[in-house]
C-alpha atoms as a PDB file:
ATOM      1  CA  MET A   1      45.956  39.550 -36.490  1.00  0.00           C
ATOM      2  CA  ASN A   2      45.172  42.479 -38.809  1.00  0.00           C
ATOM      3  CA  THR A   3      46.163  43.808 -42.194  1.00  0.00           C
ATOM      4  CA  THR A   4      45.901  47.467 -43.050  1.00  0.00           C
ATOM      5  CA  ASP A   5      42.351  47.062 -44.403  1.00  0.00           C
ATOM      6  CA  GLY A   6      41.096  45.307 -41.253  1.00  0.00           C
ATOM      7  CA  ARG A   7      41.000  41.903 -42.910  1.00  0.00           C
ATOM      8  CA  PHE A   8      41.788  38.865 -40.763  1.00  0.00           C
ATOM      9  CA  ASN A   9      45.313  37.801 -41.633  1.00  0.00           C
ATOM     10  CA  GLY A  10      46.090  34.877 -39.407  1.00  0.00           C
ATOM     11  CA  ILE A  11      45.550  31.199 -38.713  1.00  0.00           C
ATOM     12  CA  TYR A  12      42.034  29.961 -38.052  1.00  0.00           C
ATOM     13  CA  ARG A  13      42.320  26.887 -35.827  1.00  0.00           C
ATOM     14  CA  CYS A  14      39.759  24.098 -35.904  1.00  0.00           C
ATOM     15  CA  GLY A  15      40.314  20.858 -34.044  1.00  0.00           C
ATOM     16  CA  THR A  16      43.729  19.502 -34.985  1.00  0.00           C
ATOM     17  CA  ARG A  17      43.632  21.326 -38.319  1.00  0.00           C
ATOM     18  CA  SER A  18      44.031  24.936 -39.345  1.00  0.00           C
ATOM     19  CA  LEU A  19      43.513  27.303 -42.272  1.00  0.00           C
ATOM     20  CA  ASP A  20      45.910  30.140 -43.125  1.00  0.00           C
ATOM     21  CA  MET A  21      43.570  33.001 -43.946  1.00  0.00           C
ATOM     22  CA  GLY A  22      46.405  35.303 -44.968  1.00  0.00           C
ATOM     23  CA  VAL A  23      47.263  33.665 -48.280  1.00  0.00           C
ATOM     24  CA  LYS A  24      43.994  33.408 -50.259  1.00  0.00           C
ATOM     25  CA  THR A  25      40.216  33.521 -50.046  1.00  0.00           C
ATOM     26  CA  HIS A  26      39.111  30.109 -48.838  1.00  0.00           C
ATOM     27  CA  ILE A  27      36.125  28.138 -50.090  1.00  0.00           C
ATOM     28  CA  MET A  28      33.733  26.121 -47.956  1.00  0.00           C
ATOM     29  CA  GLY A  29      31.994  23.588 -50.182  1.00  0.00           C
ATOM     30  CA  ILE A  30      28.375  22.754 -49.353  1.00  0.00           C
ATOM     31  CA  LEU A  31      27.368  19.122 -48.921  1.00  0.00           C
ATOM     32  CA  ASN A  32      23.670  18.681 -48.161  1.00  0.00           C
ATOM     33  CA  LEU A  33      22.638  15.246 -46.911  1.00  0.00           C
ATOM     34  CA  THR A  34      18.997  16.286 -46.900  1.00  0.00           C
ATOM     35  CA  PRO A  35      15.992  15.337 -49.020  1.00  0.00           C
ATOM     36  CA  ASP A  36      14.585  18.884 -48.914  1.00  0.00           C
ATOM     37  CA  SER A  37      17.360  21.480 -49.207  1.00  0.00           C
ATOM     38  CA  PHE A  38      16.217  24.368 -51.395  1.00  0.00           C
ATOM     39  CA  SER A  39      18.874  23.861 -54.072  1.00  0.00           C
ATOM     40  CA  ASP A  40      20.118  20.280 -54.189  1.00  0.00           C
ATOM     41  CA  GLY A  41      17.951  18.305 -51.788  1.00  0.00           C
ATOM     42  CA  GLY A  42      18.053  14.564 -52.331  1.00  0.00           C
ATOM     43  CA  ARG A  43      21.139  14.454 -54.540  1.00  0.00           C
ATOM     44  CA  TYR A  44      23.670  13.329 -51.945  1.00  0.00           C
ATOM     45  CA  VAL A  45      21.687  11.415 -49.330  1.00  0.00           C
ATOM     46  CA  SER A  46      23.550   8.125 -49.869  1.00  0.00           C
ATOM     47  CA  VAL A  47      27.035   7.622 -48.442  1.00  0.00           C
ATOM     48  CA  ASP A  48      28.514   6.867 -51.866  1.00  0.00           C
ATOM     49  CA  ALA A  49      26.973   9.985 -53.398  1.00  0.00           C
ATOM     50  CA  ALA A  50      28.227  12.108 -50.488  1.00  0.00           C
ATOM     51  CA  ILE A  51      31.767  10.742 -50.865  1.00  0.00           C
ATOM     52  CA  ASP A  52      31.750  11.369 -54.622  1.00  0.00           C
ATOM     53  CA  ARG A  53      30.473  14.915 -54.142  1.00  0.00           C
ATOM     54  CA  CYS A  54      33.101  15.640 -51.521  1.00  0.00           C
ATOM     55  CA  ALA A  55      35.838  14.251 -53.757  1.00  0.00           C
ATOM     56  CA  LEU A  56      34.712  16.492 -56.618  1.00  0.00           C
ATOM     57  CA  MET A  57      34.676  19.618 -54.451  1.00  0.00           C
ATOM     58  CA  VAL A  58      38.135  18.849 -53.095  1.00  0.00           C
ATOM     59  CA  ARG A  59      39.468  18.428 -56.645  1.00  0.00           C
ATOM     60  CA  GLU A  60      37.858  21.705 -57.631  1.00  0.00           C
ATOM     61  CA  GLY A  61      39.597  23.592 -54.838  1.00  0.00           C
ATOM     62  CA  ALA A  62      37.456  23.447 -51.704  1.00  0.00           C
ATOM     63  CA  ASP A  63      39.429  24.221 -48.540  1.00  0.00           C
ATOM     64  CA  CYS A  64      36.828  22.713 -46.228  1.00  0.00           C
ATOM     65  CA  ILE A  65      33.477  20.965 -46.536  1.00  0.00           C
ATOM     66  CA  ASP A  66      30.325  22.019 -44.676  1.00  0.00           C
ATOM     67  CA  ILE A  67      28.038  19.040 -44.127  1.00  0.00           C
ATOM     68  CA  GLY A  68      24.392  19.597 -43.306  1.00  0.00           C
ATOM     69  CA  ALA A  69      21.752  17.014 -42.458  1.00  0.00           C
ATOM     70  CA  GLU A  70      18.824  19.351 -41.777  1.00  0.00           C
ATOM     71  CA  ALA A  71      17.575  21.894 -44.293  1.00  0.00           C
ATOM     72  CA  THR A  72      17.375  25.434 -42.896  1.00  0.00           C
ATOM     73  CA  GLY A  73      15.671  27.290 -45.731  1.00  0.00           C
ATOM     74  CA  PRO A  74      12.512  29.336 -45.094  1.00  0.00           C
ATOM     75  CA  ALA A  75      10.184  26.491 -46.114  1.00  0.00           C
ATOM     76  CA  ALA A  76      12.136  23.645 -44.503  1.00  0.00           C
ATOM     77  CA  GLU A  77      10.698  21.542 -41.697  1.00  0.00           C
ATOM     78  CA  ALA A  78      12.748  20.920 -38.559  1.00  0.00           C
ATOM     79  CA  VAL A  79      13.872  17.363 -37.824  1.00  0.00           C
ATOM     80  CA  SER A  80      14.792  15.641 -34.582  1.00  0.00           C
ATOM     81  CA  ALA A  81      18.387  15.299 -33.455  1.00  0.00           C
ATOM     82  CA  GLU A  82      18.021  11.538 -33.937  1.00  0.00           C
ATOM     83  CA  GLU A  83      16.969  11.924 -37.567  1.00  0.00           C
ATOM     84  CA  GLU A  84      19.698  14.482 -38.216  1.00  0.00           C
ATOM     85  CA  LEU A  85      22.336  12.130 -36.784  1.00  0.00           C
ATOM     86  CA  ASN A  86      21.011   9.181 -38.806  1.00  0.00           C
ATOM     87  CA  ARG A  87      21.520  11.206 -41.959  1.00  0.00           C
ATOM     88  CA  LEU A  88      24.841  12.729 -40.904  1.00  0.00           C
ATOM     89  CA  ILE A  89      27.109  10.254 -39.139  1.00  0.00           C
ATOM     90  CA  PRO A  90      27.520   7.489 -41.772  1.00  0.00           C
ATOM     91  CA  SER A  91      28.594   9.961 -44.473  1.00  0.00           C
ATOM     92  CA  LEU A  92      30.663  12.064 -42.088  1.00  0.00           C
ATOM     93  CA  GLU A  93      32.621   9.044 -40.868  1.00  0.00           C
ATOM     94  CA  ALA A  94      33.216   7.835 -44.425  1.00  0.00           C
ATOM     95  CA  ILE A  95      34.367  11.276 -45.568  1.00  0.00           C
ATOM     96  CA  ARG A  96      36.621  11.720 -42.544  1.00  0.00           C
ATOM     97  CA  GLU A  97      38.273   8.390 -43.295  1.00  0.00           C
ATOM     98  CA  ARG A  98      39.059   9.404 -46.861  1.00  0.00           C
ATOM     99  CA  PHE A  99      39.869  13.131 -46.783  1.00  0.00           C
ATOM    100  CA  ASP A 100      42.373  15.105 -44.720  1.00  0.00           C
ATOM    101  CA  ILE A 101      40.519  18.400 -44.979  1.00  0.00           C
ATOM    102  CA  PRO A 102      38.689  20.473 -42.360  1.00  0.00           C
ATOM    103  CA  LEU A 103      35.090  19.297 -42.062  1.00  0.00           C
ATOM    104  CA  SER A 104      32.284  21.483 -40.756  1.00  0.00           C
ATOM    105  CA  VAL A 105      28.883  20.400 -39.476  1.00  0.00           C
ATOM    106  CA  ASP A 106      25.968  22.736 -40.170  1.00  0.00           C
ATOM    107  CA  THR A 107      23.812  22.313 -37.065  1.00  0.00           C
ATOM    108  CA  TYR A 108      22.266  24.286 -34.230  1.00  0.00           C
ATOM    109  CA  LYS A 109      21.799  21.282 -31.926  1.00  0.00           C
ATOM    110  CA  SER A 110      24.483  20.551 -29.306  1.00  0.00           C
ATOM    111  CA  GLU A 111      23.671  16.829 -29.352  1.00  0.00           C
ATOM    112  CA  VAL A 112      24.404  16.673 -33.075  1.00  0.00           C
ATOM    113  CA  ALA A 113      27.508  18.836 -32.747  1.00  0.00           C
ATOM    114  CA  LYS A 114      28.938  16.618 -30.000  1.00  0.00           C
ATOM    115  CA  ALA A 115      28.479  13.457 -32.072  1.00  0.00           C
ATOM    116  CA  ALA A 116      29.878  15.140 -35.177  1.00  0.00           C
ATOM    117  CA  ILE A 117      33.008  16.278 -33.347  1.00  0.00           C
ATOM    118  CA  ALA A 118      33.485  12.749 -32.010  1.00  0.00           C
ATOM    119  CA  ALA A 119      33.205  11.477 -35.602  1.00  0.00           C
ATOM    120  CA  GLY A 120      35.992  13.781 -36.754  1.00  0.00           C
ATOM    121  CA  CYS A 121      34.329  17.115 -37.486  1.00  0.00           C
ATOM    122  CA  ASP A 122      36.556  20.191 -37.026  1.00  0.00           C
ATOM    123  CA  ILE A 123      34.092  23.097 -37.179  1.00  0.00           C
ATOM    124  CA  VAL A 124      30.555  23.701 -35.930  1.00  0.00           C
ATOM    125  CA  ASN A 125      28.624  26.083 -38.160  1.00  0.00           C
ATOM    126  CA  ASP A 126      25.736  27.281 -35.976  1.00  0.00           C
ATOM    127  CA  ILE A 127      23.048  29.352 -37.722  1.00  0.00           C
ATOM    128  CA  THR A 128      21.855  30.618 -34.331  1.00  0.00           C
ATOM    129  CA  GLY A 129      25.273  31.910 -33.288  1.00  0.00           C
ATOM    130  CA  PHE A 130      25.213  29.890 -30.023  1.00  0.00           C
ATOM    131  CA  ARG A 131      21.948  31.645 -29.102  1.00  0.00           C
ATOM    132  CA  GLY A 132      19.665  28.684 -29.825  1.00  0.00           C
ATOM    133  CA  ASP A 133      21.023  25.812 -27.714  1.00  0.00           C
ATOM    134  CA  PRO A 134      22.471  26.779 -24.316  1.00  0.00           C
ATOM    135  CA  ASP A 135      24.827  23.793 -24.358  1.00  0.00           C
ATOM    136  CA  MET A 136      26.339  24.428 -27.789  1.00  0.00           C
ATOM    137  CA  ALA A 137      29.227  26.684 -26.769  1.00  0.00           C
ATOM    138  CA  LYS A 138      30.314  24.238 -24.057  1.00  0.00           C
ATOM    139  CA  VAL A 139      30.192  21.287 -26.484  1.00  0.00           C
ATOM    140  CA  VAL A 140      32.304  23.161 -29.050  1.00  0.00           C
ATOM    141  CA  SER A 141      34.789  24.302 -26.424  1.00  0.00           C
ATOM    142  CA  GLU A 142      35.189  20.863 -24.878  1.00  0.00           C
ATOM    143  CA  GLY A 143      35.518  19.322 -28.340  1.00  0.00           C
ATOM    144  CA  LYS A 144      38.201  21.880 -29.261  1.00  0.00           C
ATOM    145  CA  ALA A 145      36.389  22.595 -32.515  1.00  0.00           C
ATOM    146  CA  GLY A 146      36.346  25.837 -34.424  1.00  0.00           C
ATOM    147  CA  CYS A 147      33.031  27.610 -34.854  1.00  0.00           C
ATOM    148  CA  VAL A 148      31.123  29.822 -37.244  1.00  0.00           C
ATOM    149  CA  LEU A 149      28.748  32.208 -35.485  1.00  0.00           C
ATOM    150  CA  MET A 150      25.975  33.508 -37.713  1.00  0.00           C
ATOM    151  CA  PHE A 151      23.600  36.406 -37.305  1.00  0.00           C
ATOM    152  CA  ASN A 152      20.070  35.100 -37.803  1.00  0.00           C
ATOM    153  CA  ARG A 153      17.294  37.660 -38.104  1.00  0.00           C
ATOM    154  CA  ARG A 154      14.691  34.873 -37.853  1.00  0.00           C
ATOM    155  CA  THR A 155      15.531  33.946 -34.276  1.00  0.00           C
ATOM    156  CA  SER A 156      15.446  37.163 -32.234  1.00  0.00           C
ATOM    157  CA  GLY A 157      11.679  37.525 -31.978  1.00  0.00           C
ATOM    158  CA  ASP A 158      11.609  40.998 -30.414  1.00  0.00           C
ATOM    159  CA  PRO A 159       9.215  43.258 -32.365  1.00  0.00           C
ATOM    160  CA  ALA A 160      11.001  46.378 -31.149  1.00  0.00           C
ATOM    161  CA  ILE A 161      14.156  45.543 -33.051  1.00  0.00           C
ATOM    162  CA  GLU A 162      12.319  45.575 -36.392  1.00  0.00           C
ATOM    163  CA  TYR A 163      13.059  49.297 -36.371  1.00  0.00           C
ATOM    164  CA  GLU A 164      16.766  48.804 -35.809  1.00  0.00           C
ATOM    165  CA  ALA A 165      19.079  48.996 -38.822  1.00  0.00           C
ATOM    166  CA  VAL A 166      19.959  45.449 -39.858  1.00  0.00           C
ATOM    167  CA  THR A 167      23.711  45.995 -39.758  1.00  0.00           C
ATOM    168  CA  THR A 168      23.496  47.510 -36.274  1.00  0.00           C
ATOM    169  CA  ARG A 169      21.415  44.602 -35.096  1.00  0.00           C
ATOM    170  CA  ALA A 170      23.721  42.040 -36.690  1.00  0.00           C
ATOM    171  CA  LEU A 171      26.805  43.543 -35.086  1.00  0.00           C
ATOM    172  CA  ARG A 172      25.106  43.692 -31.697  1.00  0.00           C
ATOM    173  CA  GLU A 173      23.896  40.099 -31.816  1.00  0.00           C
ATOM    174  CA  LEU A 174      27.201  38.767 -33.151  1.00  0.00           C
ATOM    175  CA  THR A 175      28.965  40.580 -30.313  1.00  0.00           C
ATOM    176  CA  GLU A 176      26.700  38.677 -27.917  1.00  0.00           C
ATOM    177  CA  SER A 177      27.449  35.399 -29.730  1.00  0.00           C
ATOM    178  CA  ILE A 178      31.179  36.025 -29.495  1.00  0.00           C
ATOM    179  CA  GLU A 179      30.882  36.695 -25.775  1.00  0.00           C
ATOM    180  CA  ILE A 180      29.030  33.403 -25.303  1.00  0.00           C
ATOM    181  CA  ALA A 181      31.840  31.628 -27.142  1.00  0.00           C
ATOM    182  CA  ARG A 182      34.612  33.342 -25.202  1.00  0.00           C
ATOM    183  CA  LYS A 183      32.954  32.702 -21.844  1.00  0.00           C
ATOM    184  CA  ALA A 184      32.836  29.012 -22.756  1.00  0.00           C
ATOM    185  CA  GLY A 185      36.591  29.079 -23.316  1.00  0.00           C
ATOM    186  CA  ILE A 186      36.699  29.247 -27.112  1.00  0.00           C
ATOM    187  CA  PRO A 187      39.694  31.378 -28.149  1.00  0.00           C
ATOM    188  CA  ASP A 188      39.419  34.141 -30.739  1.00  0.00           C
ATOM    189  CA  ASP A 189      41.427  32.221 -33.340  1.00  0.00           C
ATOM    190  CA  MET A 190      38.766  29.497 -33.391  1.00  0.00           C
ATOM    191  CA  ILE A 191      35.870  31.893 -34.067  1.00  0.00           C
ATOM    192  CA  MET A 192      34.528  32.949 -37.474  1.00  0.00           C
ATOM    193  CA  THR A 193      31.560  35.256 -38.094  1.00  0.00           C
ATOM    194  CA  ASP A 194      28.793  35.172 -40.716  1.00  0.00           C
ATOM    195  CA  PRO A 195      26.409  38.100 -41.389  1.00  0.00           C
ATOM    196  CA  GLY A 196      23.537  35.733 -42.206  1.00  0.00           C
ATOM    197  CA  ILE A 197      22.558  36.560 -45.766  1.00  0.00           C
ATOM    198  CA  GLY A 198      19.012  35.336 -46.425  1.00  0.00           C
ATOM    199  CA  PHE A 199      18.082  34.347 -42.887  1.00  0.00           C
ATOM    200  CA  GLY A 200      14.994  36.456 -42.297  1.00  0.00           C
ATOM    201  CA  THR A 201      16.406  39.335 -44.313  1.00  0.00           C
ATOM    202  CA  THR A 202      15.016  41.269 -47.254  1.00  0.00           C
ATOM    203  CA  ARG A 203      17.117  41.836 -50.363  1.00  0.00           C
ATOM    204  CA  PRO A 204      17.907  45.455 -49.373  1.00  0.00           C
ATOM    205  CA  MET A 205      19.019  44.094 -45.988  1.00  0.00           C
ATOM    206  CA  ASP A 206      21.255  41.559 -47.734  1.00  0.00           C
ATOM    207  CA  ALA A 207      22.770  44.399 -49.745  1.00  0.00           C
ATOM    208  CA  ALA A 208      23.359  46.422 -46.573  1.00  0.00           C
ATOM    209  CA  LEU A 209      24.985  43.473 -44.800  1.00  0.00           C
ATOM    210  CA  THR A 210      27.202  42.846 -47.813  1.00  0.00           C
ATOM    211  CA  ALA A 211      28.239  46.490 -48.108  1.00  0.00           C
ATOM    212  CA  SER A 212      29.149  46.509 -44.403  1.00  0.00           C
ATOM    213  CA  LEU A 213      30.927  43.150 -44.534  1.00  0.00           C
ATOM    214  CA  ALA A 214      34.270  44.367 -43.199  1.00  0.00           C
ATOM    215  CA  ALA A 215      32.628  45.397 -39.928  1.00  0.00           C
ATOM    216  CA  PHE A 216      31.817  41.772 -39.120  1.00  0.00           C
ATOM    217  CA  GLY A 217      35.508  41.006 -38.642  1.00  0.00           C
ATOM    218  CA  PHE A 218      35.524  43.410 -35.688  1.00  0.00           C
ATOM    219  CA  GLY A 219      38.698  45.170 -36.748  1.00  0.00           C
ATOM    220  CA  GLY A 220      40.338  42.109 -38.245  1.00  0.00           C
ATOM    221  CA  ARG A 221      39.997  40.013 -35.096  1.00  0.00           C
ATOM    222  CA  TYR A 222      37.868  37.311 -36.752  1.00  0.00           C
ATOM    223  CA  PRO A 223      37.662  35.819 -40.242  1.00  0.00           C
ATOM    224  CA  ILE A 224      34.365  36.422 -42.046  1.00  0.00           C
ATOM    225  CA  LEU A 225      32.353  33.754 -43.843  1.00  0.00           C
ATOM    226  CA  TYR A 226      30.078  34.971 -46.632  1.00  0.00           C
ATOM    227  CA  ALA A 227      27.280  32.616 -47.682  1.00  0.00           C
ATOM    228  CA  ALA A 228      24.961  33.753 -50.473  1.00  0.00           C
ATOM    229  CA  SER A 229      25.179  30.724 -52.755  1.00  0.00           C
ATOM    230  CA  ARG A 230      22.015  30.190 -54.832  1.00  0.00           C
ATOM    231  CA  LYS A 231      19.996  32.245 -52.348  1.00  0.00           C
ATOM    232  CA  ARG A 232      17.352  34.812 -53.203  1.00  0.00           C
ATOM    233  CA  PHE A 233      19.947  37.604 -53.043  1.00  0.00           C
ATOM    234  CA  SER A 234      22.001  35.920 -55.773  1.00  0.00           C
ATOM    235  CA  LYS A 235      18.868  35.690 -57.942  1.00  0.00           C
ATOM    236  CA  LEU A 236      18.915  39.485 -58.244  1.00  0.00           C
ATOM    237  CA  PHE A 237      22.105  39.136 -60.274  1.00  0.00           C
ATOM    238  CA  ALA A 238      21.053  36.017 -62.197  1.00  0.00           C
ATOM    239  CA  GLY A 239      17.832  37.057 -63.914  1.00  0.00           C
ATOM    240  CA  GLY A 240      15.297  36.698 -61.114  1.00  0.00           C
ATOM    241  CA  ASP A 241      13.246  33.820 -59.752  1.00  0.00           C
ATOM    242  CA  GLU A 242      13.441  31.829 -62.982  1.00  0.00           C
ATOM    243  CA  ALA A 243      17.258  31.804 -63.014  1.00  0.00           C
ATOM    244  CA  ASP A 244      18.774  28.410 -63.735  1.00  0.00           C
ATOM    245  CA  GLU A 245      21.463  26.770 -61.638  1.00  0.00           C
ATOM    246  CA  ALA A 246      24.339  27.839 -63.888  1.00  0.00           C
ATOM    247  CA  SER A 247      23.235  31.476 -63.765  1.00  0.00           C
ATOM    248  CA  LEU A 248      22.919  31.306 -59.978  1.00  0.00           C
ATOM    249  CA  ASP A 249      26.408  29.844 -59.682  1.00  0.00           C
ATOM    250  CA  ASN A 250      27.841  32.615 -61.848  1.00  0.00           C
ATOM    251  CA  ALA A 251      26.046  35.199 -59.723  1.00  0.00           C
ATOM    252  CA  THR A 252      27.355  33.493 -56.580  1.00  0.00           C
ATOM    253  CA  ALA A 253      30.892  33.651 -57.946  1.00  0.00           C
ATOM    254  CA  GLY A 254      30.475  37.366 -58.601  1.00  0.00           C
ATOM    255  CA  LEU A 255      29.131  37.986 -55.109  1.00  0.00           C
ATOM    256  CA  SER A 256      32.004  35.934 -53.713  1.00  0.00           C
ATOM    257  CA  TYR A 257      34.461  38.204 -55.530  1.00  0.00           C
ATOM    258  CA  ILE A 258      32.742  41.257 -54.064  1.00  0.00           C
ATOM    259  CA  ALA A 259      32.739  39.670 -50.604  1.00  0.00           C
ATOM    260  CA  ALA A 260      36.448  38.902 -50.849  1.00  0.00           C
ATOM    261  CA  SER A 261      37.152  42.489 -51.875  1.00  0.00           C
ATOM    262  CA  LEU A 262      35.208  43.669 -48.808  1.00  0.00           C
ATOM    263  CA  GLY A 263      37.111  41.473 -46.359  1.00  0.00           C
ATOM    264  CA  ALA A 264      35.623  37.971 -46.428  1.00  0.00           C
ATOM    265  CA  SER A 265      38.158  35.258 -45.623  1.00  0.00           C
ATOM    266  CA  MET A 266      35.926  32.395 -46.758  1.00  0.00           C
ATOM    267  CA  VAL A 267      32.859  31.916 -48.958  1.00  0.00           C
ATOM    268  CA  ARG A 268      30.373  29.060 -48.702  1.00  0.00           C
ATOM    269  CA  VAL A 269      29.226  27.799 -52.102  1.00  0.00           C
ATOM    270  CA  HIS A 270      27.592  24.927 -53.963  1.00  0.00           C
ATOM    271  CA  ASN A 271      29.684  25.176 -57.150  1.00  0.00           C
ATOM    272  CA  VAL A 272      33.309  25.214 -56.044  1.00  0.00           C
ATOM    273  CA  ALA A 273      34.894  25.223 -59.505  1.00  0.00           C
ATOM    274  CA  CYS A 274      32.993  28.295 -60.677  1.00  0.00           C
ATOM    275  CA  THR A 275      33.817  30.303 -57.579  1.00  0.00           C
ATOM    276  CA  ARG A 276      37.431  29.123 -57.371  1.00  0.00           C
ATOM    277  CA  ALA A 277      38.126  30.346 -60.906  1.00  0.00           C
ATOM    278  CA  THR A 278      36.668  33.751 -60.049  1.00  0.00           C
ATOM    279  CA  LEU A 279      38.477  34.041 -56.721  1.00  0.00           C
ATOM    280  CA  ASP A 280      41.795  33.050 -58.279  1.00  0.00           C
ATOM    281  CA  SER A 281      41.559  36.290 -60.245  1.00  0.00           C
ATOM    282  CA  PHE A 282      40.945  38.315 -57.084  1.00  0.00           C
ATOM    283  CA  ASP A 283      43.520  36.501 -54.980  1.00  0.00           C
ATOM    284  CA  GLY A 284      46.212  36.761 -57.629  1.00  0.00           C
ATOM    285  CA  THR A 285      45.916  40.536 -57.554  1.00  0.00           C
ATOM    286  CA  PHE A 286      45.074  41.257 -53.921  1.00  0.00           C
ATOM    287  CA  TYR A 287      47.585  39.012 -52.210  1.00  0.00           C
ATOM    288  CA  ALA A 288      50.306  40.003 -54.657  1.00  0.00           C
ATOM    289  CA  PHE A 289      49.847  43.636 -53.642  1.00  0.00           C
ATOM    290  CA  ALA A 290      49.613  42.590 -50.009  1.00  0.00           C
ATOM    291  CA  GLY A 291      53.044  40.978 -50.333  1.00  0.00           C
ATOM    292  CA  LYS A 292      51.838  37.402 -49.827  1.00  0.00           C
END
């Protein structure tokens, strides 16, 4: 469903839950259950800490929570599916029991996604856009989960495409990801796209992807997730590599405002309160003019 600016203006379905993307910019709060995430590794590895963090983000205005049990930053080491599940399932089950909010699992492994869906997860956020694990699309479809399909410049591996404009490449590869999803039986209203800020990109590439953000909704067919929180791109607006966490969160909030103005339906952030306050300003103006 489209609005006049090509923004997605419909219901995003995920499991038995849904999000109305036509009323505000939604926030996906980040919950890392990892010892080595680039920003907050080790803070929320216990079940009690994960529950407390989730509760805080919900109070601050998160519309869904994205739970990750394997760090995916440039310097992170891969872990086995068994290790990822050992970190993930206890906290996921405890959070599902306590909160009636869409939960997302940040994984590229179908084995992990299947177990997460069985434990009550509503969305699979796959940084490979269903291009990494051949069984992922089937698992998501059979589990009736929503999905986030991300462009990932790290994973293509074809030297020839280094000469292709990053936005062109991202649109082409996301088109392929969407086709994989649709062939597996996942309907359009359960698909969200992500341009992949910081995944093998340079800062000029991140700027180009951001400037072209509206294109990643493919004419308003899909909601767009924008995820730049505390990444190297946000450091450009926070004073550089020595920026502290508060400065990065303020920069993230500013980028989230820009992303919303360019068509993003959801932003993925660490500091929900900071971004929610900023987006309330945007939403109060935009959706009032849009007649919402």
